[in-house]
Amino acid sequence: MRYISILAVLLIASLVLPVFAQEEKPADNMAIVRDAIRAQKKVLIADNMQLTETEATAFWPVYDEYQNAMKPLADRGIKMIQNYAANYENMTDEAAGAMLKEYMDIQKEQVKIKDTYLPKFQKVLPAKKVARYYQIENKIAAVINYDLADQIPLVK
């Protein structure tokens, strides 16, 4: 899992830290960075899945579909962080409540998508490899969430 730290650093540096530093990034640069992160994540998954050629041929289309299903939730999460950064100094109870609702809605949707895709992954891979894939996804999320928690200040 050697690439996880690189992935997390790229994600945090490109998406979160500029928000709290009040820097503006052009949308084109953001898209380039996000594409690079997605490519690096795919390399990390490929390195750790140990797929046969047959498994890889079946797995990658499902993986791409799954990532596309998760992308809008990642976008919502980024928007939520950006909104938090914009309101951090003057956070109201109303804004905090809206942020909590959005956070919980994103979490629920992520679980739904994971649950929906489980049988799809199970159709193309043995159970142990599906479990490995979900573990890798969870480890990547844990590293990113740890770095986010470290960089984003608590509500005042």
Protein backbone atom coordinates (compact mmCIF):
# COMPACT_ATOMS: atom_id res chain seq x y z
CA MET A 1 0.00 0.00 0.00
CA ARG A 2 2.95 2.28 -0.68
CA TYR A 3 1.01 4.73 -2.83
CA ILE A 4 -1.65 5.57 -0.25
CA SER A 5 0.42 8.32 1.38
CA ILE A 6 1.19 9.87 -2.00
CA LEU A 7 -2.48 9.70 -2.95
CA ALA A 8 -3.57 11.28 0.32
CA VAL A 9 -0.98 14.05 0.14
CA LEU A 10 -2.00 14.89 -3.43
CA LEU A 11 -5.66 14.95 -2.49
CA ILE A 12 -5.22 17.08 0.60
CA ALA A 13 -2.76 19.47 -0.98
CA SER A 14 -4.84 19.98 -4.09
CA LEU A 15 -8.36 20.09 -2.70
CA VAL A 16 -8.44 21.04 0.96
CA LEU A 17 -5.46 23.14 1.95
CA PRO A 18 -6.00 25.82 -0.72
CA VAL A 19 -9.57 26.21 0.55
CA PHE A 20 -8.44 27.06 4.07
CA ALA A 21 -5.63 29.24 2.74
CA GLN A 22 -8.24 31.19 0.71
CA GLU A 23 -6.41 30.51 -2.54
CA GLU A 24 -8.32 30.28 -5.79
CA LYS A 25 -7.53 27.43 -8.17
CA PRO A 26 -8.80 27.44 -11.73
CA ALA A 27 -11.23 24.64 -12.47
CA ASP A 28 -8.91 23.26 -15.18
CA ASN A 29 -6.09 22.70 -12.68
CA MET A 30 -8.51 20.97 -10.29
CA ALA A 31 -9.63 18.60 -13.04
CA ILE A 32 -6.04 17.77 -13.94
CA VAL A 33 -5.14 17.04 -10.32
CA ARG A 34 -8.26 14.90 -9.83
CA ASP A 35 -7.47 12.88 -12.96
CA ALA A 36 -3.92 12.32 -11.69
CA ILE A 37 -5.25 11.19 -8.32
CA ARG A 38 -7.69 8.77 -9.97
CA ALA A 39 -4.89 7.34 -12.12
CA GLN A 40 -2.62 6.93 -9.09
CA LYS A 41 -5.43 5.21 -7.19
CA LYS A 42 -5.97 2.82 -10.08
CA VAL A 43 -2.26 1.94 -10.04
CA LEU A 44 -2.47 1.32 -6.30
CA ILE A 45 -5.46 -0.98 -6.76
CA ALA A 46 -3.83 -2.83 -9.66
CA ASP A 47 -0.64 -3.34 -7.63
CA ASN A 48 -2.55 -4.79 -4.70
CA MET A 49 -5.34 -6.82 -6.32
CA GLN A 50 -3.16 -9.49 -7.95
CA LEU A 51 -5.70 -10.09 -10.70
CA THR A 52 -5.34 -12.67 -13.41
CA GLU A 53 -5.82 -11.45 -16.99
CA THR A 54 -9.34 -12.88 -17.06
CA GLU A 55 -10.22 -11.29 -13.70
CA ALA A 56 -8.75 -7.95 -14.77
CA THR A 57 -10.76 -7.94 -17.99
CA ALA A 58 -13.97 -8.42 -15.99
CA PHE A 59 -13.01 -6.29 -12.97
CA TRP A 60 -11.91 -2.97 -14.49
CA PRO A 61 -15.20 -2.09 -16.23
CA VAL A 62 -17.09 -2.70 -12.95
CA TYR A 63 -14.43 -0.70 -11.07
CA ASP A 64 -14.78 2.23 -13.49
CA GLU A 65 -18.57 2.13 -13.19
CA TYR A 66 -18.29 2.05 -9.38
CA GLN A 67 -15.86 4.98 -9.33
CA ASN A 68 -18.19 6.96 -11.60
CA ALA A 69 -21.08 6.23 -9.24
CA MET A 70 -19.00 7.44 -6.27
CA LYS A 71 -17.66 10.57 -8.01
CA PRO A 72 -20.72 12.78 -7.39
CA LEU A 73 -20.47 11.97 -3.68
CA ALA A 74 -16.79 12.93 -3.64
CA ASP A 75 -17.74 16.16 -5.40
CA ARG A 76 -20.39 16.82 -2.77
CA GLY A 77 -17.85 16.16 -0.03
CA ILE A 78 -15.41 18.63 -1.56
CA LYS A 79 -18.17 21.20 -1.92
CA MET A 80 -19.13 20.63 1.73
CA ILE A 81 -15.51 21.22 2.82
CA GLN A 82 -15.30 24.35 0.68
CA ASN A 83 -18.56 25.60 2.18
CA TYR A 84 -17.24 24.86 5.66
CA ALA A 85 -14.06 26.80 4.92
CA ALA A 86 -16.08 29.75 3.66
CA ASN A 87 -18.25 29.75 6.80
CA TYR A 88 -15.66 28.60 9.34
CA GLU A 89 -15.08 31.95 11.00
CA ASN A 90 -18.80 32.73 11.37
CA MET A 91 -20.40 29.27 11.57
CA THR A 92 -24.01 29.45 12.70
CA ASP A 93 -26.00 26.64 14.26
CA GLU A 94 -28.12 26.59 11.10
CA ALA A 95 -25.06 26.21 8.86
CA ALA A 96 -23.61 23.53 11.16
CA GLY A 97 -26.92 21.64 11.03
CA ALA A 98 -27.01 21.82 7.23
CA MET A 99 -23.40 20.60 7.09
CA LEU A 100 -24.23 17.66 9.38
CA LYS A 101 -27.23 16.72 7.25
CA GLU A 102 -25.15 16.84 4.07
CA TYR A 103 -22.40 14.77 5.69
CA MET A 104 -24.87 12.09 6.82
CA ASP A 105 -26.59 12.06 3.42
CA ILE A 106 -23.24 11.52 1.68
CA GLN A 107 -22.36 8.70 4.09
CA LYS A 108 -25.72 6.97 3.50
CA GLU A 109 -25.35 7.24 -0.27
CA GLN A 110 -21.83 5.80 -0.13
CA VAL A 111 -23.09 2.77 1.78
CA LYS A 112 -25.92 2.31 -0.75
CA ILE A 113 -23.49 2.38 -3.66
CA LYS A 114 -21.09 -0.02 -1.93
CA ASP A 115 -23.99 -2.36 -1.25
CA THR A 116 -25.29 -2.07 -4.83
CA TYR A 117 -21.88 -2.86 -6.33
CA LEU A 118 -21.02 -5.75 -4.04
CA PRO A 119 -22.94 -8.33 -6.13
CA LYS A 120 -21.50 -6.83 -9.33
CA PHE A 121 -17.96 -7.32 -8.02
CA GLN A 122 -18.88 -10.79 -6.76
CA LYS A 123 -19.98 -11.76 -10.28
CA VAL A 124 -16.53 -10.99 -11.69
CA LEU A 125 -14.18 -11.92 -8.83
CA PRO A 126 -13.93 -14.58 -6.12
CA ALA A 127 -15.12 -13.46 -2.68
CA LYS A 128 -11.59 -13.15 -1.28
CA LYS A 129 -10.59 -10.73 -4.02
CA VAL A 130 -13.77 -8.71 -3.58
CA ALA A 131 -12.99 -8.51 0.14
CA ARG A 132 -9.44 -7.42 -0.74
CA TYR A 133 -10.78 -4.70 -3.05
CA TYR A 134 -13.16 -3.37 -0.39
CA GLN A 135 -10.28 -3.43 2.11
CA ILE A 136 -8.08 -1.40 -0.24
CA GLU A 137 -10.88 1.12 -0.79
CA ASN A 138 -11.39 1.36 2.99
CA LYS A 139 -7.66 1.84 3.62
CA ILE A 140 -7.47 4.61 1.04
CA ALA A 141 -10.53 6.29 2.58
CA ALA A 142 -9.05 5.93 6.08
CA VAL A 143 -5.81 7.65 5.04
CA ILE A 144 -7.66 10.44 3.28
CA ASN A 145 -10.05 10.89 6.21
CA TYR A 146 -7.14 10.95 8.67
CA ASP A 147 -5.40 13.66 6.66
CA LEU A 148 -8.64 15.61 6.31
CA ALA A 149 -9.22 15.38 10.06
CA ASP A 150 -5.69 16.60 10.66
CA GLN A 151 -6.05 19.60 8.30
CA ILE A 152 -9.61 20.76 8.88
CA PRO A 153 -10.13 22.70 12.10
CA LEU A 154 -12.93 21.87 14.50
CA VAL A 155 -16.10 23.96 14.42
CA LYS A 156 -15.71 27.03 16.61
